[in-house]
C-alpha atoms as a PDB file:
ATOM      1  CA  MET A   1     -73.425-143.589 -30.033  1.00  0.00           C
ATOM      2  CA  GLN A   2     -74.580-140.758 -32.238  1.00  0.00           C
ATOM      3  CA  SER A   3     -75.636-137.557 -30.547  1.00  0.00           C
ATOM      4  CA  ILE A   4     -79.169-136.294 -30.839  1.00  0.00           C
ATOM      5  CA  PRO A   5     -80.430-132.731 -30.890  1.00  0.00           C
ATOM      6  CA  ASP A   6     -81.122-131.066 -27.555  1.00  0.00           C
ATOM      7  CA  ARG A   7     -84.728-131.804 -26.609  1.00  0.00           C
ATOM      8  CA  THR A   8     -86.320-130.113 -23.649  1.00  0.00           C
ATOM      9  CA  SER A   9     -89.941-130.523 -24.720  1.00  0.00           C
ATOM     10  CA  GLY A  10     -90.350-133.788 -22.819  1.00  0.00           C
ATOM     11  CA  GLU A  11     -90.758-135.926 -25.932  1.00  0.00           C
ATOM     12  CA  PRO A  12     -88.622-139.085 -26.070  1.00  0.00           C
ATOM     13  CA  GLN A  13     -86.294-139.349 -29.040  1.00  0.00           C
ATOM     14  CA  PRO A  14     -85.255-142.606 -30.708  1.00  0.00           C
ATOM     15  CA  VAL A  15     -81.472-142.639 -31.018  1.00  0.00           C
ATOM     16  CA  PRO A  16     -80.409-142.663 -34.697  1.00  0.00           C
ATOM     17  CA  GLY A  17     -78.922-146.009 -35.708  1.00  0.00           C
ATOM     18  CA  MET A  18     -80.203-147.826 -32.606  1.00  0.00           C
ATOM     19  CA  PRO A  19     -83.045-150.356 -32.315  1.00  0.00           C
ATOM     20  CA  ALA A  20     -86.548-148.963 -31.841  1.00  0.00           C
ATOM     21  CA  THR A  21     -86.531-150.126 -28.225  1.00  0.00           C
ATOM     22  CA  VAL A  22     -83.918-147.493 -27.357  1.00  0.00           C
ATOM     23  CA  THR A  23     -85.167-144.167 -26.085  1.00  0.00           C
ATOM     24  CA  SER A  24     -82.840-141.262 -25.414  1.00  0.00           C
ATOM     25  CA  TRP A  25     -83.611-137.906 -23.898  1.00  0.00           C
ATOM     26  CA  ARG A  26     -81.436-134.870 -23.474  1.00  0.00           C
ATOM     27  CA  LEU A  27     -82.875-132.641 -20.808  1.00  0.00           C
ATOM     28  CA  PRO A  28     -81.620-129.962 -18.471  1.00  0.00           C
ATOM     29  CA  VAL A  29     -81.000-131.059 -14.917  1.00  0.00           C
ATOM     30  CA  VAL A  30     -83.356-128.666 -13.166  1.00  0.00           C
ATOM     31  CA  LEU A  31     -82.123-128.957  -9.612  1.00  0.00           C
ATOM     32  CA  PRO A  32     -81.814-126.329  -6.901  1.00  0.00           C
ATOM     33  CA  SER A  33     -78.394-127.865  -6.252  1.00  0.00           C
ATOM     34  CA  ASP A  34     -76.036-130.277  -7.982  1.00  0.00           C
ATOM     35  CA  LEU A  35     -76.950-133.911  -8.652  1.00  0.00           C
ATOM     36  CA  HIS A  36     -76.236-135.069  -5.108  1.00  0.00           C
ATOM     37  CA  ALA A  37     -76.991-138.153  -3.002  1.00  0.00           C
ATOM     38  CA  ARG A  38     -80.751-137.724  -2.559  1.00  0.00           C
ATOM     39  CA  PRO A  39     -81.753-137.565  -6.267  1.00  0.00           C
ATOM     40  CA  ALA A  40     -79.038-140.111  -7.156  1.00  0.00           C
ATOM     41  CA  GLY A  41     -80.573-142.466  -4.585  1.00  0.00           C
ATOM     42  CA  ARG A  42     -84.053-141.935  -5.993  1.00  0.00           C
ATOM     43  CA  ILE A  43     -82.746-142.691  -9.504  1.00  0.00           C
ATOM     44  CA  ALA A  44     -80.909-145.811  -8.292  1.00  0.00           C
ATOM     45  CA  THR A  45     -84.086-147.016  -6.570  1.00  0.00           C
ATOM     46  CA  ALA A  46     -86.347-146.374  -9.581  1.00  0.00           C
ATOM     47  CA  ALA A  47     -84.123-147.813 -12.331  1.00  0.00           C
ATOM     48  CA  PRO A  48     -84.337-151.501 -11.294  1.00  0.00           C
ATOM     49  CA  LEU A  49     -88.145-151.317 -11.321  1.00  0.00           C
ATOM     50  CA  PHE A  50     -87.970-151.506 -15.138  1.00  0.00           C
ATOM     51  CA  ARG A  51     -86.721-154.245 -17.441  1.00  0.00           C
ATOM     52  CA  ALA A  52     -84.875-151.672 -19.531  1.00  0.00           C
ATOM     53  CA  GLU A  53     -81.224-150.956 -18.854  1.00  0.00           C
ATOM     54  CA  THR A  54     -80.870-147.276 -18.047  1.00  0.00           C
ATOM     55  CA  ARG A  55     -77.930-144.943 -17.865  1.00  0.00           C
ATOM     56  CA  LEU A  56     -77.222-141.246 -17.635  1.00  0.00           C
ATOM     57  CA  GLU A  57     -74.658-139.499 -19.815  1.00  0.00           C
ATOM     58  CA  HIS A  58     -73.101-136.143 -19.045  1.00  0.00           C
ATOM     59  CA  ARG A  59     -70.151-134.441 -20.776  1.00  0.00           C
ATOM     60  CA  GLY A  60     -68.869-137.647 -22.342  1.00  0.00           C
ATOM     61  CA  ARG A  61     -69.212-139.742 -19.182  1.00  0.00           C
ATOM     62  CA  SER A  62     -71.760-142.500 -18.601  1.00  0.00           C
ATOM     63  CA  ALA A  63     -73.261-143.876 -15.386  1.00  0.00           C
ATOM     64  CA  ALA A  64     -75.479-146.895 -14.813  1.00  0.00           C
ATOM     65  CA  ALA A  65     -78.687-145.510 -13.333  1.00  0.00           C
ATOM     66  CA  PRO A  66     -78.936-148.201 -10.610  1.00  0.00           C
ATOM     67  CA  SER A  67     -75.587-147.057  -9.135  1.00  0.00           C
ATOM     68  CA  ILE A  68     -75.834-144.144  -6.683  1.00  0.00           C
ATOM     69  CA  LEU A  69     -72.068-143.586  -6.730  1.00  0.00           C
ATOM     70  CA  ALA A  70     -71.863-143.684 -10.530  1.00  0.00           C
ATOM     71  CA  VAL A  71     -74.724-141.181 -10.886  1.00  0.00           C
ATOM     72  CA  MET A  72     -73.172-138.833  -8.331  1.00  0.00           C
ATOM     73  CA  GLY A  73     -69.796-139.296 -10.051  1.00  0.00           C
ATOM     74  CA  LEU A  74     -71.126-137.647 -13.202  1.00  0.00           C
ATOM     75  CA  GLY A  75     -70.751-134.313 -11.434  1.00  0.00           C
ATOM     76  CA  ALA A  76     -73.868-132.856 -13.103  1.00  0.00           C
ATOM     77  CA  ARG A  77     -74.531-129.328 -11.929  1.00  0.00           C
ATOM     78  CA  ALA A  78     -77.861-127.570 -11.607  1.00  0.00           C
ATOM     79  CA  GLY A  79     -79.052-126.415 -15.015  1.00  0.00           C
ATOM     80  CA  SER A  80     -76.665-128.643 -16.999  1.00  0.00           C
ATOM     81  CA  SER A  81     -77.843-131.202 -19.568  1.00  0.00           C
ATOM     82  CA  VAL A  82     -77.945-134.940 -18.979  1.00  0.00           C
ATOM     83  CA  ASP A  83     -78.905-137.663 -21.472  1.00  0.00           C
ATOM     84  CA  VAL A  84     -81.207-140.315 -20.057  1.00  0.00           C
ATOM     85  CA  VAL A  85     -80.749-143.468 -22.147  1.00  0.00           C
ATOM     86  CA  ALA A  86     -82.857-146.592 -21.742  1.00  0.00           C
ATOM     87  CA  ASP A  87     -82.684-149.824 -23.742  1.00  0.00           C
ATOM     88  CA  GLY A  88     -85.314-152.508 -23.394  1.00  0.00           C
ATOM     89  CA  PRO A  89     -88.981-153.357 -23.724  1.00  0.00           C
ATOM     90  CA  ASP A  90     -90.102-150.599 -21.343  1.00  0.00           C
ATOM     91  CA  ALA A  91     -87.448-148.066 -22.316  1.00  0.00           C
ATOM     92  CA  ARG A  92     -89.860-145.170 -22.647  1.00  0.00           C
ATOM     93  CA  ALA A  93     -91.383-145.706 -19.195  1.00  0.00           C
ATOM     94  CA  ALA A  94     -87.924-146.048 -17.613  1.00  0.00           C
ATOM     95  CA  ALA A  95     -86.650-142.880 -19.293  1.00  0.00           C
ATOM     96  CA  GLU A  96     -89.791-140.970 -18.261  1.00  0.00           C
ATOM     97  CA  ALA A  97     -89.451-142.069 -14.625  1.00  0.00           C
ATOM     98  CA  ILE A  98     -85.815-140.981 -14.404  1.00  0.00           C
ATOM     99  CA  ALA A  99     -86.554-137.727 -16.219  1.00  0.00           C
ATOM    100  CA  GLU A 100     -89.296-137.030 -13.670  1.00  0.00           C
ATOM    101  CA  ILE A 101     -86.838-137.533 -10.814  1.00  0.00           C
ATOM    102  CA  LEU A 102     -84.263-135.267 -12.452  1.00  0.00           C
ATOM    103  CA  GLY A 103     -86.886-132.599 -13.088  1.00  0.00           C
ATOM    104  CA  THR A 104     -88.242-132.552  -9.549  1.00  0.00           C
ATOM    105  CA  ALA A 105     -85.192-133.459  -7.437  1.00  0.00           C
ATOM    106  CA  GLY A 106     -84.018-131.185  -4.727  1.00  0.00           C
END
């Protein structure tokens, strides 16, 4: 997958070379602590509510959003950047929901 420029403005970015249904965001993980069990659980609960397949990418590693252990296994630290990638008919809504959790988790 091609990388996209860092975007922290909250606007979804289509991934170059991918179908229009794919939305990718790169955003800072704004957490008072690392990406731990509570926000990972909230992400894993929210992801299956959408038809889009969602994943998080951090430092070359990828995790399926519906998996608490995979999300925690990314080892994302407070203030680091995570890509939220969604592929499907409601990709934008799925990416926005996960971005909201990442931005407000604590």
